[in-house]
Amino acid sequence: MLEKLAIKQGYAVAIGHPRATTISALSQWLPVIAEKGLNLVPISVIMAKRIGIPRNLIKLSAK
């Protein structure tokens, strides 16, 4: 469902908690998302794109 939404509108937003179920799902999903034409990005990238901030000005470091 989330993948279809992302393909349809160009993005989709989901949350995940650092729990075993989330980690397990991500470990299975991450290796195949590129084959589906999808990318996993921080919400800041989506928001910046929506309001017109150039991607090179977005800080992508984790804290």
PDB file of N, CA and C in Angstrom:
ATOM      1  N   MET A   1       0.823  -1.190   0.000  1.00  0.00           N
ATOM      2  CA  MET A   1       0.000   0.000   0.000  1.00  0.00           C
ATOM      3  C   MET A   1       0.874   1.264   0.000  1.00  0.00           C
ATOM      4  N   LEU A   2       1.856   1.302   0.873  1.00  0.00           N
ATOM      5  CA  LEU A   2       2.731   2.473   0.960  1.00  0.00           C
ATOM      6  C   LEU A   2       3.541   2.647  -0.322  1.00  0.00           C
ATOM      7  N   GLU A   3       4.012   1.547  -0.879  1.00  0.00           N
ATOM      8  CA  GLU A   3       4.768   1.620  -2.128  1.00  0.00           C
ATOM      9  C   GLU A   3       3.897   2.170  -3.257  1.00  0.00           C
ATOM     10  N   LYS A   4       2.665   1.712  -3.348  1.00  0.00           N
ATOM     11  CA  LYS A   4       1.755   2.194  -4.396  1.00  0.00           C
ATOM     12  C   LYS A   4       1.503   3.689  -4.251  1.00  0.00           C
ATOM     13  N   LEU A   5       1.339   4.153  -3.025  1.00  0.00           N
ATOM     14  CA  LEU A   5       1.133   5.574  -2.772  1.00  0.00           C
ATOM     15  C   LEU A   5       2.358   6.380  -3.194  1.00  0.00           C
ATOM     16  N   ALA A   6       3.534   5.877  -2.859  1.00  0.00           N
ATOM     17  CA  ALA A   6       4.775   6.570  -3.230  1.00  0.00           C
ATOM     18  C   ALA A   6       4.922   6.676  -4.742  1.00  0.00           C
ATOM     19  N   ILE A   7       4.590   5.618  -5.440  1.00  0.00           N
ATOM     20  CA  ILE A   7       4.679   5.636  -6.896  1.00  0.00           C
ATOM     21  C   ILE A   7       3.644   6.594  -7.476  1.00  0.00           C
ATOM     22  N   LYS A   8       2.447   6.586  -6.918  1.00  0.00           N
ATOM     23  CA  LYS A   8       1.364   7.425  -7.431  1.00  0.00           C
ATOM     24  C   LYS A   8       1.627   8.916  -7.234  1.00  0.00           C
ATOM     25  N   GLN A   9       2.019   9.314  -6.024  1.00  0.00           N
ATOM     26  CA  GLN A   9       2.155  10.745  -5.747  1.00  0.00           C
ATOM     27  C   GLN A   9       3.593  11.231  -5.653  1.00  0.00           C
ATOM     28  N   GLY A  10       4.548  10.337  -5.796  1.00  0.00           N
ATOM     29  CA  GLY A  10       5.947  10.736  -5.782  1.00  0.00           C
ATOM     30  C   GLY A  10       6.609  10.628  -4.421  1.00  0.00           C
ATOM     31  N   TYR A  11       5.840  10.354  -3.395  1.00  0.00           N
ATOM     32  CA  TYR A  11       6.379  10.153  -2.050  1.00  0.00           C
ATOM     33  C   TYR A  11       5.306   9.522  -1.169  1.00  0.00           C
ATOM     34  N   ALA A  12       5.738   8.951  -0.077  1.00  0.00           N
ATOM     35  CA  ALA A  12       4.845   8.452   0.966  1.00  0.00           C
ATOM     36  C   ALA A  12       5.598   8.594   2.280  1.00  0.00           C
ATOM     37  N   VAL A  13       4.875   8.791   3.338  1.00  0.00           N
ATOM     38  CA  VAL A  13       5.488   8.985   4.650  1.00  0.00           C
ATOM     39  C   VAL A  13       5.059   7.851   5.576  1.00  0.00           C
ATOM     40  N   ALA A  14       6.030   7.291   6.264  1.00  0.00           N
ATOM     41  CA  ALA A  14       5.763   6.242   7.246  1.00  0.00           C
ATOM     42  C   ALA A  14       6.653   6.487   8.455  1.00  0.00           C
ATOM     43  N   ILE A  15       6.236   5.961   9.570  1.00  0.00           N
ATOM     44  CA  ILE A  15       7.074   6.045  10.763  1.00  0.00           C
ATOM     45  C   ILE A  15       7.500   4.640  11.159  1.00  0.00           C
ATOM     46  N   GLY A  16       8.583   4.560  11.871  1.00  0.00           N
ATOM     47  CA  GLY A  16       9.056   3.280  12.368  1.00  0.00           C
ATOM     48  C   GLY A  16       9.686   3.470  13.735  1.00  0.00           C
ATOM     49  N   HIS A  17       9.498   2.491  14.568  1.00  0.00           N
ATOM     50  CA  HIS A  17      10.080   2.526  15.909  1.00  0.00           C
ATOM     51  C   HIS A  17      11.219   1.510  15.967  1.00  0.00           C
ATOM     52  N   PRO A  18      12.241   1.774  16.752  1.00  0.00           N
ATOM     53  CA  PRO A  18      13.384   0.857  16.824  1.00  0.00           C
ATOM     54  C   PRO A  18      13.048  -0.409  17.615  1.00  0.00           C
ATOM     55  N   ARG A  19      12.167  -1.189  17.035  1.00  0.00           N
ATOM     56  CA  ARG A  19      11.751  -2.448  17.663  1.00  0.00           C
ATOM     57  C   ARG A  19      12.067  -3.591  16.711  1.00  0.00           C
ATOM     58  N   ALA A  20      12.060  -4.790  17.228  1.00  0.00           N
ATOM     59  CA  ALA A  20      12.439  -5.964  16.436  1.00  0.00           C
ATOM     60  C   ALA A  20      11.599  -6.113  15.171  1.00  0.00           C
ATOM     61  N   THR A  21      10.304  -5.875  15.262  1.00  0.00           N
ATOM     62  CA  THR A  21       9.431  -6.021  14.096  1.00  0.00           C
ATOM     63  C   THR A  21       9.802  -5.030  13.002  1.00  0.00           C
ATOM     64  N   THR A  22      10.057  -3.793  13.376  1.00  0.00           N
ATOM     65  CA  THR A  22      10.428  -2.765  12.401  1.00  0.00           C
ATOM     66  C   THR A  22      11.770  -3.096  11.758  1.00  0.00           C
ATOM     67  N   ILE A  23      12.740  -3.469  12.564  1.00  0.00           N
ATOM     68  CA  ILE A  23      14.073  -3.803  12.054  1.00  0.00           C
ATOM     69  C   ILE A  23      13.993  -4.993  11.104  1.00  0.00           C
ATOM     70  N   SER A  24      13.208  -5.982  11.453  1.00  0.00           N
ATOM     71  CA  SER A  24      13.037  -7.158  10.604  1.00  0.00           C
ATOM     72  C   SER A  24      12.404  -6.788   9.267  1.00  0.00           C
ATOM     73  N   ALA A  25      11.351  -5.986   9.312  1.00  0.00           N
ATOM     74  CA  ALA A  25      10.673  -5.570   8.077  1.00  0.00           C
ATOM     75  C   ALA A  25      11.611  -4.756   7.191  1.00  0.00           C
ATOM     76  N   LEU A  26      12.352  -3.829   7.790  1.00  0.00           N
ATOM     77  CA  LEU A  26      13.285  -3.007   7.011  1.00  0.00           C
ATOM     78  C   LEU A  26      14.407  -3.843   6.404  1.00  0.00           C
ATOM     79  N   SER A  27      14.897  -4.824   7.143  1.00  0.00           N
ATOM     80  CA  SER A  27      15.992  -5.645   6.627  1.00  0.00           C
ATOM     81  C   SER A  27      15.556  -6.451   5.409  1.00  0.00           C
ATOM     82  N   GLN A  28      14.277  -6.769   5.316  1.00  0.00           N
ATOM     83  CA  GLN A  28      13.758  -7.481   4.146  1.00  0.00           C
ATOM     84  C   GLN A  28      13.424  -6.519   3.007  1.00  0.00           C
ATOM     85  N   TRP A  29      12.967  -5.332   3.336  1.00  0.00           N
ATOM     86  CA  TRP A  29      12.486  -4.378   2.341  1.00  0.00           C
ATOM     87  C   TRP A  29      13.603  -3.567   1.694  1.00  0.00           C
ATOM     88  N   LEU A  30      14.572  -3.138   2.478  1.00  0.00           N
ATOM     89  CA  LEU A  30      15.635  -2.263   1.964  1.00  0.00           C
ATOM     90  C   LEU A  30      16.397  -2.830   0.761  1.00  0.00           C
ATOM     91  N   PRO A  31      16.729  -4.117   0.738  1.00  0.00           N
ATOM     92  CA  PRO A  31      17.471  -4.629  -0.419  1.00  0.00           C
ATOM     93  C   PRO A  31      16.706  -4.577  -1.748  1.00  0.00           C
ATOM     94  N   VAL A  32      15.393  -4.442  -1.720  1.00  0.00           N
ATOM     95  CA  VAL A  32      14.615  -4.495  -2.965  1.00  0.00           C
ATOM     96  C   VAL A  32      13.976  -3.170  -3.373  1.00  0.00           C
ATOM     97  N   ILE A  33      14.100  -2.131  -2.554  1.00  0.00           N
ATOM     98  CA  ILE A  33      13.396  -0.891  -2.909  1.00  0.00           C
ATOM     99  C   ILE A  33      13.952  -0.239  -4.172  1.00  0.00           C
ATOM    100  N   ALA A  34      15.243  -0.313  -4.395  1.00  0.00           N
ATOM    101  CA  ALA A  34      15.823   0.298  -5.597  1.00  0.00           C
ATOM    102  C   ALA A  34      15.287  -0.373  -6.859  1.00  0.00           C
ATOM    103  N   GLU A  35      15.091  -1.683  -6.802  1.00  0.00           N
ATOM    104  CA  GLU A  35      14.532  -2.416  -7.945  1.00  0.00           C
ATOM    105  C   GLU A  35      13.124  -1.931  -8.274  1.00  0.00           C
ATOM    106  N   LYS A  36      12.442  -1.402  -7.278  1.00  0.00           N
ATOM    107  CA  LYS A  36      11.076  -0.906  -7.458  1.00  0.00           C
ATOM    108  C   LYS A  36      11.047   0.575  -7.816  1.00  0.00           C
ATOM    109  N   GLY A  37      12.236   1.182  -7.921  1.00  0.00           N
ATOM    110  CA  GLY A  37      12.311   2.598  -8.257  1.00  0.00           C
ATOM    111  C   GLY A  37      12.029   3.508  -7.080  1.00  0.00           C
ATOM    112  N   LEU A  38      12.232   3.005  -5.866  1.00  0.00           N
ATOM    113  CA  LEU A  38      11.952   3.769  -4.654  1.00  0.00           C
ATOM    114  C   LEU A  38      13.238   4.088  -3.908  1.00  0.00           C
ATOM    115  N   ASN A  39      13.186   5.130  -3.087  1.00  0.00           N
ATOM    116  CA  ASN A  39      14.299   5.520  -2.218  1.00  0.00           C
ATOM    117  C   ASN A  39      13.756   5.769  -0.825  1.00  0.00           C
ATOM    118  N   LEU A  40      14.530   5.432   0.177  1.00  0.00           N
ATOM    119  CA  LEU A  40      14.189   5.736   1.562  1.00  0.00           C
ATOM    120  C   LEU A  40      14.957   6.994   1.943  1.00  0.00           C
ATOM    121  N   VAL A  41      14.234   8.043   2.316  1.00  0.00           N
ATOM    122  CA  VAL A  41      14.866   9.320   2.658  1.00  0.00           C
ATOM    123  C   VAL A  41      14.256   9.870   3.936  1.00  0.00           C
ATOM    124  N   PRO A  42      14.972  10.756   4.620  1.00  0.00           N
ATOM    125  CA  PRO A  42      14.397  11.419   5.794  1.00  0.00           C
ATOM    126  C   PRO A  42      13.249  12.343   5.375  1.00  0.00           C
ATOM    127  N   ILE A  43      12.342  12.571   6.264  1.00  0.00           N
ATOM    128  CA  ILE A  43      11.203  13.452   5.997  1.00  0.00           C
ATOM    129  C   ILE A  43      11.669  14.847   5.584  1.00  0.00           C
ATOM    130  N   SER A  44      12.827  15.271   6.048  1.00  0.00           N
ATOM    131  CA  SER A  44      13.331  16.603   5.689  1.00  0.00           C
ATOM    132  C   SER A  44      13.532  16.740   4.184  1.00  0.00           C
ATOM    133  N   VAL A  45      13.899  15.672   3.509  1.00  0.00           N
ATOM    134  CA  VAL A  45      14.086  15.714   2.059  1.00  0.00           C
ATOM    135  C   VAL A  45      12.748  15.935   1.358  1.00  0.00           C
ATOM    136  N   ILE A  46      11.729  15.248   1.808  1.00  0.00           N
ATOM    137  CA  ILE A  46      10.394  15.404   1.214  1.00  0.00           C
ATOM    138  C   ILE A  46       9.870  16.812   1.449  1.00  0.00           C
ATOM    139  N   MET A  47       9.990  17.290   2.669  1.00  0.00           N
ATOM    140  CA  MET A  47       9.481  18.626   2.986  1.00  0.00           C
ATOM    141  C   MET A  47      10.237  19.707   2.218  1.00  0.00           C
ATOM    142  N   ALA A  48      11.541  19.579   2.139  1.00  0.00           N
ATOM    143  CA  ALA A  48      12.337  20.566   1.409  1.00  0.00           C
ATOM    144  C   ALA A  48      11.934  20.604  -0.062  1.00  0.00           C
ATOM    145  N   LYS A  49      11.714  19.442  -0.637  1.00  0.00           N
ATOM    146  CA  LYS A  49      11.292  19.389  -2.038  1.00  0.00           C
ATOM    147  C   LYS A  49       9.931  20.054  -2.220  1.00  0.00           C
ATOM    148  N   ARG A  50       9.029  19.826  -1.290  1.00  0.00           N
ATOM    149  CA  ARG A  50       7.683  20.390  -1.392  1.00  0.00           C
ATOM    150  C   ARG A  50       7.683  21.911  -1.275  1.00  0.00           C
ATOM    151  N   ILE A  51       8.633  22.458  -0.506  1.00  0.00           N
ATOM    152  CA  ILE A  51       8.653  23.920  -0.361  1.00  0.00           C
ATOM    153  C   ILE A  51       9.732  24.582  -1.213  1.00  0.00           C
ATOM    154  N   GLY A  52      10.461  23.776  -1.986  1.00  0.00           N
ATOM    155  CA  GLY A  52      11.397  24.327  -2.952  1.00  0.00           C
ATOM    156  C   GLY A  52      12.801  24.614  -2.472  1.00  0.00           C
ATOM    157  N   ILE A  53      13.253  23.945  -1.426  1.00  0.00           N
ATOM    158  CA  ILE A  53      14.636  24.114  -0.972  1.00  0.00           C
ATOM    159  C   ILE A  53      15.523  23.161  -1.779  1.00  0.00           C
ATOM    160  N   PRO A  54      16.603  23.657  -2.383  1.00  0.00           N
ATOM    161  CA  PRO A  54      17.493  22.776  -3.140  1.00  0.00           C
ATOM    162  C   PRO A  54      18.056  21.665  -2.252  1.00  0.00           C
ATOM    163  N   ARG A  55      18.119  20.462  -2.794  1.00  0.00           N
ATOM    164  CA  ARG A  55      18.548  19.295  -2.019  1.00  0.00           C
ATOM    165  C   ARG A  55      19.953  19.459  -1.437  1.00  0.00           C
ATOM    166  N   ASN A  56      20.834  20.169  -2.146  1.00  0.00           N
ATOM    167  CA  ASN A  56      22.202  20.328  -1.637  1.00  0.00           C
ATOM    168  C   ASN A  56      22.267  21.191  -0.376  1.00  0.00           C
ATOM    169  N   LEU A  57      21.189  21.859  -0.027  1.00  0.00           N
ATOM    170  CA  LEU A  57      21.160  22.668   1.194  1.00  0.00           C
ATOM    171  C   LEU A  57      20.584  21.917   2.391  1.00  0.00           C
ATOM    172  N   ILE A  58      20.171  20.676   2.173  1.00  0.00           N
ATOM    173  CA  ILE A  58      19.567  19.887   3.248  1.00  0.00           C
ATOM    174  C   ILE A  58      20.649  19.083   3.950  1.00  0.00           C
ATOM    175  N   LYS A  59      20.695  19.178   5.256  1.00  0.00           N
ATOM    176  CA  LYS A  59      21.647  18.401   6.040  1.00  0.00           C
ATOM    177  C   LYS A  59      21.053  17.015   6.266  1.00  0.00           C
ATOM    178  N   LEU A  60      21.774  15.970   5.882  1.00  0.00           N
ATOM    179  CA  LEU A  60      21.259  14.613   5.971  1.00  0.00           C
ATOM    180  C   LEU A  60      21.938  13.774   7.042  1.00  0.00           C
ATOM    181  N   SER A  61      22.589  14.388   7.995  1.00  0.00           N
ATOM    182  CA  SER A  61      23.276  13.614   9.019  1.00  0.00           C
ATOM    183  C   SER A  61      22.306  13.149  10.092  1.00  0.00           C
ATOM    184  N   ALA A  62      22.567  11.957  10.614  1.00  0.00           N
ATOM    185  CA  ALA A  62      21.759  11.421  11.708  1.00  0.00           C
ATOM    186  C   ALA A  62      22.317  11.919  13.026  1.00  0.00           C
ATOM    187  N   LYS A  63      21.443  12.092  14.002  1.00  0.00           N
ATOM    188  CA  LYS A  63      21.886  12.529  15.329  1.00  0.00           C
ATOM    189  C   LYS A  63      21.637  11.460  16.347  1.00  0.00           C
TER     190      LYS A  63
END
